[in-house]
Amino acid sequence: MSGLSSITRIRRGRKPKLCRCDNRSMQVPVFVSCPSKLNDEQEKSRKIVERELQKLNLEWRALGRSDYPTELPLREVYILAKHCAGGVILGSEQTYAPSGIRKRATKEEKAVSDIRVPTAWNHLEAGMLFCLGLPLLVFREDAISDGIFDPGVTDVFVHPMPSASLSSTERKALSSVFQKWQAEVRTRYYS
């Protein structure tokens, strides 16, 4: 019997064994906008998001983490984003200023304090993902605002950044947010 072809085995009611190179099924690529340099707490949050993506068999794609540019970085972001089915934006503080002036030299000038700013790449990458029509999932640390992180800028709800101190109820709620979003991602990927 070992010399029989696959067709002969099928005709006799036996399915041929298919060769699988690995046990993983194909992952759906999603673009993640996340700074490459994070403090310890930010790294914990990043890992929570990464685990949620892994549970859903979604592949984290990002410049500086999974992909490295060979051309202009902005062009590389666009090329990578075009091959993804969804996007995640992680608004983590990258710049802190104890005080400053907002809208300096205008009628709306105002002294501000405790200023926390994410990477500008969050806004650039979110804009590209939005223009490509990809389903977005947006998270931000406390005090991160402006651009993609302002409520009402897009039809996407801006979620607080997940932290290691989430209760079991909060973890379930986070998983449910990812579940709903991944359904849109898969619809986009398979259509």
N, C-alpha and C. Protein backbone atom coordinates (compact mmCIF):
# COMPACT_ATOMS: atom_id res chain seq x y z
N MET A 1 0.80 -1.20 0.00
CA MET A 1 0.00 0.00 0.00
C MET A 1 0.84 1.26 0.00
N SER A 2 2.03 1.22 0.53
CA SER A 2 2.83 2.43 0.64
C SER A 2 3.21 3.00 -0.72
N GLY A 3 3.15 2.21 -1.76
CA GLY A 3 3.49 2.71 -3.09
C GLY A 3 2.31 3.33 -3.82
N LEU A 4 1.12 3.33 -3.22
CA LEU A 4 -0.05 3.89 -3.88
C LEU A 4 0.03 5.41 -3.91
N SER A 5 -0.48 5.97 -4.96
CA SER A 5 -0.50 7.43 -5.06
C SER A 5 -1.61 8.00 -4.18
N SER A 6 -1.58 9.31 -3.99
CA SER A 6 -2.61 10.00 -3.21
C SER A 6 -3.98 9.79 -3.84
N ILE A 7 -4.03 9.82 -5.17
CA ILE A 7 -5.30 9.65 -5.87
C ILE A 7 -5.87 8.27 -5.60
N THR A 8 -5.05 7.24 -5.61
CA THR A 8 -5.51 5.89 -5.33
C THR A 8 -6.05 5.79 -3.92
N ARG A 9 -5.36 6.39 -2.94
CA ARG A 9 -5.83 6.34 -1.56
C ARG A 9 -7.17 7.07 -1.41
N ILE A 10 -7.33 8.20 -2.12
CA ILE A 10 -8.60 8.92 -2.07
C ILE A 10 -9.71 8.05 -2.64
N ARG A 11 -9.42 7.38 -3.76
CA ARG A 11 -10.43 6.52 -4.39
C ARG A 11 -10.83 5.38 -3.47
N ARG A 12 -9.93 4.93 -2.65
CA ARG A 12 -10.24 3.84 -1.72
C ARG A 12 -10.82 4.36 -0.41
N GLY A 13 -11.13 5.66 -0.38
CA GLY A 13 -11.77 6.22 0.81
C GLY A 13 -10.80 6.72 1.87
N ARG A 14 -9.53 6.80 1.55
CA ARG A 14 -8.56 7.31 2.51
C ARG A 14 -8.07 8.68 2.08
N LYS A 15 -7.99 9.57 3.05
CA LYS A 15 -7.47 10.89 2.75
C LYS A 15 -5.95 10.85 2.82
N PRO A 16 -5.28 11.53 1.89
CA PRO A 16 -3.82 11.60 1.98
C PRO A 16 -3.41 12.47 3.16
N LYS A 17 -2.27 12.17 3.75
CA LYS A 17 -1.76 13.01 4.82
C LYS A 17 -1.10 14.23 4.19
N LEU A 18 -1.49 15.37 4.68
CA LEU A 18 -0.91 16.60 4.16
C LEU A 18 0.30 16.98 4.99
N CYS A 19 1.33 17.42 4.32
CA CYS A 19 2.54 17.85 5.01
C CYS A 19 2.32 19.25 5.57
N ARG A 20 2.55 19.42 6.87
CA ARG A 20 2.47 20.74 7.50
C ARG A 20 3.86 21.06 8.03
N CYS A 21 4.36 22.20 7.66
CA CYS A 21 5.70 22.58 8.09
C CYS A 21 5.75 22.99 9.55
N ASP A 22 4.65 23.51 10.08
CA ASP A 22 4.59 23.83 11.50
C ASP A 22 3.16 23.66 11.99
N ASN A 23 2.98 23.75 13.28
CA ASN A 23 1.67 23.52 13.87
C ASN A 23 0.81 24.77 13.94
N ARG A 24 1.37 25.93 13.62
CA ARG A 24 0.61 27.17 13.70
C ARG A 24 -0.17 27.40 12.43
N SER A 25 -1.36 27.93 12.57
CA SER A 25 -2.10 28.34 11.39
C SER A 25 -1.62 29.74 11.02
N MET A 26 -1.96 30.16 9.84
CA MET A 26 -1.49 31.46 9.37
C MET A 26 -2.06 32.59 10.24
N GLN A 27 -1.20 33.50 10.64
CA GLN A 27 -1.62 34.63 11.44
C GLN A 27 -2.06 35.78 10.55
N VAL A 28 -3.03 36.54 11.03
CA VAL A 28 -3.52 37.72 10.31
C VAL A 28 -2.65 38.90 10.75
N PRO A 29 -2.02 39.62 9.81
CA PRO A 29 -1.14 40.73 10.18
C PRO A 29 -1.91 41.98 10.58
N VAL A 30 -1.48 42.58 11.70
CA VAL A 30 -2.02 43.86 12.14
C VAL A 30 -0.86 44.81 12.43
N PHE A 31 -1.03 46.05 12.05
CA PHE A 31 0.00 47.05 12.25
C PHE A 31 -0.14 47.61 13.66
N VAL A 32 0.96 47.65 14.41
CA VAL A 32 0.93 48.21 15.77
C VAL A 32 1.86 49.42 15.83
N SER A 33 1.28 50.55 16.18
CA SER A 33 2.05 51.78 16.37
C SER A 33 2.41 51.86 17.84
N CYS A 34 3.70 51.67 18.11
CA CYS A 34 4.18 51.63 19.49
C CYS A 34 5.63 52.11 19.51
N PRO A 35 5.98 52.98 20.45
CA PRO A 35 7.38 53.41 20.52
C PRO A 35 8.30 52.22 20.75
N SER A 36 9.51 52.31 20.23
CA SER A 36 10.46 51.21 20.42
C SER A 36 11.15 51.27 21.78
N LYS A 37 11.19 52.44 22.40
CA LYS A 37 11.80 52.59 23.73
C LYS A 37 10.70 52.83 24.75
N LEU A 38 10.56 51.90 25.71
CA LEU A 38 9.51 51.99 26.71
C LEU A 38 10.10 51.81 28.11
N ASN A 39 9.47 52.45 29.09
CA ASN A 39 9.89 52.20 30.47
C ASN A 39 9.27 50.88 30.94
N ASP A 40 9.57 50.46 32.15
CA ASP A 40 9.12 49.14 32.63
C ASP A 40 7.60 49.00 32.63
N GLU A 41 6.88 50.01 33.11
CA GLU A 41 5.41 49.94 33.15
C GLU A 41 4.83 49.91 31.73
N GLN A 42 5.39 50.71 30.86
CA GLN A 42 4.93 50.73 29.47
C GLN A 42 5.18 49.39 28.79
N GLU A 43 6.30 48.78 29.09
CA GLU A 43 6.63 47.46 28.52
C GLU A 43 5.63 46.42 29.00
N LYS A 44 5.21 46.50 30.25
CA LYS A 44 4.19 45.57 30.76
C LYS A 44 2.88 45.73 30.00
N SER A 45 2.50 46.97 29.74
CA SER A 45 1.28 47.24 28.97
C SER A 45 1.42 46.69 27.55
N ARG A 46 2.57 46.91 26.95
CA ARG A 46 2.81 46.41 25.59
C ARG A 46 2.65 44.90 25.56
N LYS A 47 3.19 44.22 26.56
CA LYS A 47 3.11 42.76 26.60
C LYS A 47 1.67 42.27 26.77
N ILE A 48 0.86 43.01 27.51
CA ILE A 48 -0.56 42.65 27.66
C ILE A 48 -1.23 42.70 26.29
N VAL A 49 -0.97 43.75 25.54
CA VAL A 49 -1.55 43.89 24.20
C VAL A 49 -1.03 42.78 23.29
N GLU A 50 0.26 42.52 23.35
CA GLU A 50 0.86 41.47 22.53
C GLU A 50 0.23 40.11 22.83
N ARG A 51 0.01 39.81 24.10
CA ARG A 51 -0.62 38.53 24.47
C ARG A 51 -2.05 38.43 23.93
N GLU A 52 -2.78 39.53 23.99
CA GLU A 52 -4.16 39.52 23.45
C GLU A 52 -4.13 39.23 21.94
N LEU A 53 -3.19 39.84 21.25
CA LEU A 53 -3.06 39.60 19.80
C LEU A 53 -2.70 38.14 19.54
N GLN A 54 -1.77 37.60 20.32
CA GLN A 54 -1.36 36.21 20.13
C GLN A 54 -2.52 35.24 20.39
N LYS A 55 -3.32 35.51 21.43
CA LYS A 55 -4.48 34.66 21.72
C LYS A 55 -5.44 34.60 20.54
N LEU A 56 -5.50 35.68 19.77
CA LEU A 56 -6.42 35.76 18.64
C LEU A 56 -5.75 35.38 17.32
N ASN A 57 -4.51 34.91 17.40
CA ASN A 57 -3.74 34.52 16.21
C ASN A 57 -3.56 35.69 15.24
N LEU A 58 -3.25 36.86 15.82
CA LEU A 58 -2.97 38.06 15.03
C LEU A 58 -1.48 38.35 15.15
N GLU A 59 -0.88 38.73 14.05
CA GLU A 59 0.56 38.96 14.00
C GLU A 59 0.89 40.43 14.16
N TRP A 60 1.69 40.77 15.18
CA TRP A 60 2.16 42.13 15.46
C TRP A 60 3.15 42.52 14.38
N ARG A 61 2.86 43.57 13.62
CA ARG A 61 3.79 44.08 12.61
C ARG A 61 4.07 45.55 12.90
N ALA A 62 5.32 45.93 12.95
CA ALA A 62 5.70 47.31 13.24
C ALA A 62 7.13 47.56 12.80
N LEU A 63 7.37 48.77 12.34
CA LEU A 63 8.74 49.15 12.02
C LEU A 63 9.54 49.22 13.32
N GLY A 64 10.73 48.67 13.28
CA GLY A 64 11.60 48.69 14.45
C GLY A 64 11.37 47.53 15.40
N ARG A 65 10.37 46.69 15.13
CA ARG A 65 10.13 45.51 15.97
C ARG A 65 10.09 44.25 15.11
N SER A 66 9.17 44.18 14.17
CA SER A 66 9.09 43.00 13.30
C SER A 66 9.69 43.28 11.93
N ASP A 67 9.70 44.54 11.55
CA ASP A 67 10.17 44.95 10.22
C ASP A 67 11.13 46.11 10.37
N TYR A 68 12.15 46.12 9.51
CA TYR A 68 13.16 47.17 9.58
C TYR A 68 13.26 47.84 8.23
N PRO A 69 13.22 49.20 8.22
CA PRO A 69 13.18 49.92 6.94
C PRO A 69 14.47 49.80 6.13
N THR A 70 14.28 49.73 4.83
CA THR A 70 15.42 49.78 3.91
C THR A 70 15.36 51.06 3.10
N GLU A 71 14.20 51.70 3.12
CA GLU A 71 14.02 52.97 2.42
C GLU A 71 13.62 54.03 3.45
N LEU A 72 12.92 55.04 2.99
CA LEU A 72 12.44 56.08 3.89
C LEU A 72 11.40 55.49 4.85
N PRO A 73 11.52 55.73 6.15
CA PRO A 73 10.62 55.09 7.11
C PRO A 73 9.13 55.35 6.86
N LEU A 74 8.77 56.55 6.48
CA LEU A 74 7.36 56.85 6.24
C LEU A 74 6.80 56.02 5.09
N ARG A 75 7.59 55.85 4.06
CA ARG A 75 7.18 55.00 2.93
C ARG A 75 7.07 53.54 3.37
N GLU A 76 8.00 53.10 4.19
CA GLU A 76 7.97 51.72 4.69
C GLU A 76 6.73 51.47 5.55
N VAL A 77 6.34 52.47 6.36
CA VAL A 77 5.13 52.34 7.16
C VAL A 77 3.93 52.12 6.24
N TYR A 78 3.85 52.92 5.20
CA TYR A 78 2.74 52.82 4.26
C TYR A 78 2.70 51.44 3.58
N ILE A 79 3.84 50.98 3.13
CA ILE A 79 3.91 49.67 2.46
C ILE A 79 3.50 48.56 3.43
N LEU A 80 4.01 48.61 4.65
CA LEU A 80 3.67 47.61 5.65
C LEU A 80 2.18 47.67 6.00
N ALA A 81 1.66 48.87 6.21
CA ALA A 81 0.26 49.05 6.59
C ALA A 81 -0.69 48.52 5.51
N LYS A 82 -0.31 48.68 4.24
CA LYS A 82 -1.15 48.18 3.14
C LYS A 82 -1.33 46.67 3.17
N HIS A 83 -0.40 45.98 3.81
CA HIS A 83 -0.46 44.51 3.88
C HIS A 83 -1.05 44.01 5.20
N CYS A 84 -1.60 44.93 6.00
CA CYS A 84 -2.20 44.56 7.27
C CYS A 84 -3.72 44.68 7.19
N ALA A 85 -4.40 43.99 8.10
CA ALA A 85 -5.87 43.98 8.09
C ALA A 85 -6.46 44.79 9.23
N GLY A 86 -5.63 45.37 10.08
CA GLY A 86 -6.10 46.18 11.20
C GLY A 86 -4.94 46.93 11.81
N GLY A 87 -5.26 47.81 12.75
CA GLY A 87 -4.22 48.59 13.40
C GLY A 87 -4.49 48.81 14.87
N VAL A 88 -3.41 48.83 15.64
CA VAL A 88 -3.47 49.11 17.07
C VAL A 88 -2.53 50.29 17.32
N ILE A 89 -3.03 51.29 18.05
CA ILE A 89 -2.22 52.45 18.39
C ILE A 89 -2.01 52.45 19.90
N LEU A 90 -0.75 52.46 20.33
CA LEU A 90 -0.41 52.48 21.75
C LEU A 90 0.22 53.83 22.08
N GLY A 91 -0.56 54.70 22.67
CA GLY A 91 -0.11 56.05 23.02
C GLY A 91 0.60 56.07 24.35
N SER A 92 1.89 55.87 24.32
CA SER A 92 2.72 55.88 25.53
C SER A 92 3.53 57.16 25.58
N GLU A 93 3.67 57.72 26.77
CA GLU A 93 4.45 58.94 26.94
C GLU A 93 5.88 58.74 26.45
N GLN A 94 6.33 59.69 25.63
CA GLN A 94 7.71 59.68 25.16
C GLN A 94 8.43 60.97 25.53
N THR A 95 7.66 62.03 25.78
CA THR A 95 8.24 63.30 26.20
C THR A 95 7.44 63.81 27.39
N TYR A 96 8.16 64.29 28.40
CA TYR A 96 7.51 64.88 29.57
C TYR A 96 8.09 66.26 29.82
N ALA A 97 7.21 67.22 30.08
CA ALA A 97 7.65 68.57 30.46
C ALA A 97 6.84 69.00 31.67
N PRO A 98 7.52 69.44 32.75
CA PRO A 98 6.78 69.84 33.94
C PRO A 98 5.88 71.06 33.70
N SER A 99 6.27 71.95 32.76
CA SER A 99 5.43 73.11 32.45
C SER A 99 5.72 73.59 31.03
N GLY A 100 4.80 74.40 30.53
CA GLY A 100 4.97 74.93 29.19
C GLY A 100 3.86 75.90 28.86
N ILE A 101 3.84 76.37 27.63
CA ILE A 101 2.81 77.29 27.17
C ILE A 101 2.14 76.67 25.95
N ARG A 102 0.84 76.60 26.00
CA ARG A 102 0.07 76.04 24.89
C ARG A 102 -0.42 77.18 24.02
N LYS A 103 -0.29 77.00 22.70
CA LYS A 103 -0.73 77.98 21.70
C LYS A 103 -0.09 79.35 21.97
N ARG A 104 1.21 79.31 22.15
CA ARG A 104 1.98 80.52 22.47
C ARG A 104 1.78 81.60 21.42
N ALA A 105 1.70 82.83 21.88
CA ALA A 105 1.58 84.03 21.05
C ALA A 105 0.26 84.07 20.26
N THR A 106 -0.75 83.41 20.78
CA THR A 106 -2.10 83.52 20.19
C THR A 106 -3.05 84.01 21.27
N LYS A 107 -4.28 84.32 20.88
CA LYS A 107 -5.28 84.75 21.86
C LYS A 107 -5.64 83.63 22.83
N GLU A 108 -5.38 82.37 22.43
CA GLU A 108 -5.69 81.22 23.28
C GLU A 108 -4.50 80.77 24.13
N GLU A 109 -3.44 81.58 24.18
CA GLU A 109 -2.25 81.19 24.95
C GLU A 109 -2.64 80.82 26.38
N LYS A 110 -2.01 79.75 26.87
CA LYS A 110 -2.36 79.26 28.21
C LYS A 110 -1.16 78.53 28.80
N ALA A 111 -0.88 78.78 30.07
CA ALA A 111 0.17 78.06 30.79
C ALA A 111 -0.37 76.66 31.10
N VAL A 112 0.46 75.66 30.87
CA VAL A 112 0.07 74.28 31.15
C VAL A 112 1.18 73.61 31.97
N SER A 113 0.79 72.53 32.67
CA SER A 113 1.79 71.80 33.45
C SER A 113 1.58 70.31 33.28
N ASP A 114 2.58 69.55 33.68
CA ASP A 114 2.52 68.09 33.61
C ASP A 114 2.18 67.62 32.19
N ILE A 115 2.99 68.04 31.23
CA ILE A 115 2.74 67.76 29.81
C ILE A 115 3.35 66.42 29.42
N ARG A 116 2.52 65.55 28.86
CA ARG A 116 2.96 64.21 28.43
C ARG A 116 2.61 64.06 26.96
N VAL A 117 3.60 63.71 26.18
CA VAL A 117 3.43 63.65 24.72
C VAL A 117 3.84 62.27 24.21
N PRO A 118 3.00 61.66 23.36
CA PRO A 118 3.38 60.38 22.75
C PRO A 118 4.33 60.62 21.59
N THR A 119 4.77 59.56 20.96
CA THR A 119 5.58 59.71 19.75
C THR A 119 4.72 60.28 18.62
N ALA A 120 5.30 61.16 17.84
CA ALA A 120 4.58 61.72 16.69
C ALA A 120 4.20 60.63 15.70
N TRP A 121 4.94 59.52 15.72
CA TRP A 121 4.64 58.41 14.81
C TRP A 121 3.26 57.81 15.07
N ASN A 122 2.77 57.89 16.32
CA ASN A 122 1.41 57.42 16.59
C ASN A 122 0.41 58.13 15.68
N HIS A 123 0.55 59.44 15.54
CA HIS A 123 -0.39 60.22 14.73
C HIS A 123 -0.22 59.94 13.24
N LEU A 124 1.03 59.88 12.79
CA LEU A 124 1.29 59.59 11.37
C LEU A 124 0.75 58.21 10.99
N GLU A 125 1.09 57.21 11.79
CA GLU A 125 0.68 55.84 11.48
C GLU A 125 -0.82 55.67 11.61
N ALA A 126 -1.43 56.28 12.62
CA ALA A 126 -2.89 56.20 12.77
C ALA A 126 -3.58 56.83 11.56
N GLY A 127 -3.05 57.95 11.09
CA GLY A 127 -3.63 58.61 9.91
C GLY A 127 -3.58 57.71 8.68
N MET A 128 -2.45 57.05 8.49
CA MET A 128 -2.34 56.13 7.34
C MET A 128 -3.31 54.96 7.47
N LEU A 129 -3.36 54.38 8.65
CA LEU A 129 -4.26 53.24 8.87
C LEU A 129 -5.71 53.64 8.66
N PHE A 130 -6.07 54.82 9.13
CA PHE A 130 -7.43 55.33 8.96
C PHE A 130 -7.74 55.53 7.48
N CYS A 131 -6.81 56.13 6.74
CA CYS A 131 -7.01 56.37 5.30
C CYS A 131 -7.10 55.06 4.52
N LEU A 132 -6.44 54.03 5.00
CA LEU A 132 -6.52 52.72 4.35
C LEU A 132 -7.81 51.98 4.72
N GLY A 133 -8.59 52.57 5.64
CA GLY A 133 -9.86 51.97 6.03
C GLY A 133 -9.72 50.77 6.95
N LEU A 134 -8.60 50.67 7.65
CA LEU A 134 -8.39 49.52 8.54
C LEU A 134 -9.10 49.72 9.87
N PRO A 135 -9.65 48.65 10.44
CA PRO A 135 -10.24 48.75 11.77
C PRO A 135 -9.15 49.11 12.79
N LEU A 136 -9.43 50.11 13.62
CA LEU A 136 -8.44 50.60 14.58
C LEU A 136 -8.84 50.28 16.01
N LEU A 137 -7.83 50.05 16.82
CA LEU A 137 -7.99 49.88 18.26
C LEU A 137 -6.97 50.84 18.88
N VAL A 138 -7.45 51.83 19.65
CA VAL A 138 -6.59 52.89 20.16
C VAL A 138 -6.55 52.86 21.69
N PHE A 139 -5.33 52.85 22.23
CA PHE A 139 -5.10 52.90 23.67
C PHE A 139 -4.21 54.10 23.98
N ARG A 140 -4.43 54.70 25.15
CA ARG A 140 -3.57 55.81 25.56
C ARG A 140 -3.33 55.78 27.05
N GLU A 141 -2.14 56.22 27.45
CA GLU A 141 -1.85 56.39 28.86
C GLU A 141 -2.59 57.63 29.36
N ASP A 142 -2.78 57.72 30.69
CA ASP A 142 -3.38 58.92 31.27
C ASP A 142 -2.60 60.15 30.83
N ALA A 143 -3.30 61.22 30.61
CA ALA A 143 -2.74 62.53 30.24
C ALA A 143 -2.22 62.61 28.81
N ILE A 144 -2.30 61.54 28.03
CA ILE A 144 -1.94 61.61 26.61
C ILE A 144 -3.18 62.11 25.87
N SER A 145 -3.01 63.15 25.07
CA SER A 145 -4.15 63.70 24.35
C SER A 145 -3.69 64.26 23.00
N ASP A 146 -4.62 64.87 22.32
CA ASP A 146 -4.43 65.49 21.01
C ASP A 146 -4.37 64.44 19.90
N GLY A 147 -4.67 64.89 18.70
CA GLY A 147 -4.62 64.03 17.53
C GLY A 147 -5.51 62.81 17.66
N ILE A 148 -4.98 61.67 17.35
CA ILE A 148 -5.73 60.42 17.36
C ILE A 148 -6.30 60.10 18.74
N PHE A 149 -5.73 60.67 19.79
CA PHE A 149 -6.15 60.36 21.16
C PHE A 149 -7.30 61.23 21.67
N ASP A 150 -7.74 62.19 20.87
CA ASP A 150 -8.88 63.01 21.24
C ASP A 150 -10.18 62.28 20.93
N PRO A 151 -11.11 62.25 21.88
CA PRO A 151 -12.40 61.62 21.61
C PRO A 151 -13.12 62.34 20.45
N GLY A 152 -13.72 61.57 19.59
CA GLY A 152 -14.49 62.14 18.49
C GLY A 152 -13.70 62.44 17.23
N VAL A 153 -12.39 62.24 17.24
CA VAL A 153 -11.58 62.48 16.04
C VAL A 153 -11.93 61.45 14.97
N THR A 154 -12.10 60.20 15.41
CA THR A 154 -12.52 59.13 14.50
C THR A 154 -13.73 58.46 15.14
N ASP A 155 -14.26 57.46 14.48
CA ASP A 155 -15.38 56.71 15.05
C ASP A 155 -14.90 55.65 16.03
N VAL A 156 -13.64 55.71 16.41
CA VAL A 156 -13.02 54.72 17.29
C VAL A 156 -13.01 55.23 18.72
N PHE A 157 -13.40 54.38 19.66
CA PHE A 157 -13.33 54.71 21.08
C PHE A 157 -11.87 54.63 21.53
N VAL A 158 -11.42 55.62 22.29
CA VAL A 158 -10.05 55.63 22.80
C VAL A 158 -10.06 54.99 24.19
N HIS A 159 -9.36 53.86 24.31
CA HIS A 159 -9.34 53.08 25.55
C HIS A 159 -8.15 53.47 26.42
N PRO A 160 -8.30 53.33 27.74
CA PRO A 160 -7.12 53.53 28.61
C PRO A 160 -6.12 52.41 28.37
N MET A 161 -4.86 52.74 28.50
CA MET A 161 -3.80 51.74 28.32
C MET A 161 -3.97 50.64 29.37
N PRO A 162 -3.95 49.37 28.94
CA PRO A 162 -4.06 48.29 29.93
C PRO A 162 -2.83 48.26 30.84
N SER A 163 -3.07 47.93 32.10
CA SER A 163 -1.95 47.87 33.04
C SER A 163 -1.89 46.51 33.70
N ALA A 164 -0.76 46.23 34.30
CA ALA A 164 -0.55 44.94 34.97
C ALA A 164 -1.48 44.78 36.16
N SER A 165 -2.05 45.86 36.66
CA SER A 165 -2.91 45.80 37.85
C SER A 165 -4.39 45.61 37.50
N LEU A 166 -4.70 45.19 36.28
CA LEU A 166 -6.10 44.98 35.90
C LEU A 166 -6.72 43.86 36.74
N SER A 167 -7.95 44.09 37.17
CA SER A 167 -8.69 43.04 37.89
C SER A 167 -9.14 41.98 36.88
N SER A 168 -9.63 40.87 37.36
CA SER A 168 -10.08 39.82 36.43
C SER A 168 -11.26 40.31 35.59
N THR A 169 -12.12 41.13 36.16
CA THR A 169 -13.25 41.70 35.41
C THR A 169 -12.73 42.63 34.31
N GLU A 170 -11.73 43.45 34.63
CA GLU A 170 -11.15 44.37 33.64
C GLU A 170 -10.43 43.59 32.54
N ARG A 171 -9.78 42.50 32.89
CA ARG A 171 -9.11 41.66 31.88
C ARG A 171 -10.12 41.06 30.92
N LYS A 172 -11.26 40.61 31.46
CA LYS A 172 -12.32 40.06 30.60
C LYS A 172 -12.87 41.14 29.67
N ALA A 173 -13.05 42.35 30.21
CA ALA A 173 -13.54 43.46 29.40
C ALA A 173 -12.54 43.79 28.29
N LEU A 174 -11.24 43.77 28.62
CA LEU A 174 -10.21 44.03 27.61
C LEU A 174 -10.24 42.95 26.53
N SER A 175 -10.34 41.70 26.93
CA SER A 175 -10.42 40.61 25.95
C SER A 175 -11.64 40.76 25.06
N SER A 176 -12.72 41.22 25.61
CA SER A 176 -13.93 41.41 24.82
C SER A 176 -13.77 42.54 23.81
N VAL A 177 -13.03 43.60 24.18
CA VAL A 177 -12.73 44.68 23.23
C VAL A 177 -11.91 44.11 22.06
N PHE A 178 -10.91 43.31 22.37
CA PHE A 178 -10.09 42.70 21.33
C PHE A 178 -10.91 41.75 20.46
N GLN A 179 -11.80 40.99 21.07
CA GLN A 179 -12.65 40.04 20.32
C GLN A 179 -13.49 40.78 19.28
N LYS A 180 -14.13 41.85 19.72
CA LYS A 180 -15.00 42.62 18.80
C LYS A 180 -14.17 43.21 17.66
N TRP A 181 -13.02 43.78 17.99
CA TRP A 181 -12.16 44.40 16.98
C TRP A 181 -11.62 43.35 16.00
N GLN A 182 -11.19 42.20 16.52
CA GLN A 182 -10.61 41.18 15.64
C GLN A 182 -11.64 40.63 14.66
N ALA A 183 -12.91 40.67 15.01
CA ALA A 183 -13.94 40.24 14.06
C ALA A 183 -13.94 41.16 12.84
N GLU A 184 -13.79 42.47 13.07
CA GLU A 184 -13.70 43.40 11.95
C GLU A 184 -12.41 43.18 11.15
N VAL A 185 -11.32 42.91 11.86
CA VAL A 185 -10.03 42.66 11.21
C VAL A 185 -10.13 41.44 10.29
N ARG A 186 -10.72 40.37 10.79
CA ARG A 186 -10.84 39.15 9.99
C ARG A 186 -11.79 39.35 8.80
N THR A 187 -12.84 40.12 8.99
CA THR A 187 -13.75 40.42 7.88
C THR A 187 -12.96 41.15 6.78
N ARG A 188 -12.15 42.11 7.19
CA ARG A 188 -11.33 42.86 6.22
C ARG A 188 -10.32 41.92 5.53
N TYR A 189 -9.68 41.06 6.32
CA TYR A 189 -8.64 40.19 5.79
C TYR A 189 -9.18 39.17 4.79
N TYR A 190 -10.33 38.61 5.09
CA TYR A 190 -10.87 37.55 4.25
C TYR A 190 -11.80 38.04 3.15
N SER A 191 -12.03 39.36 3.06
CA SER A 191 -12.91 39.85 1.99
C SER A 191 -12.13 40.31 0.78
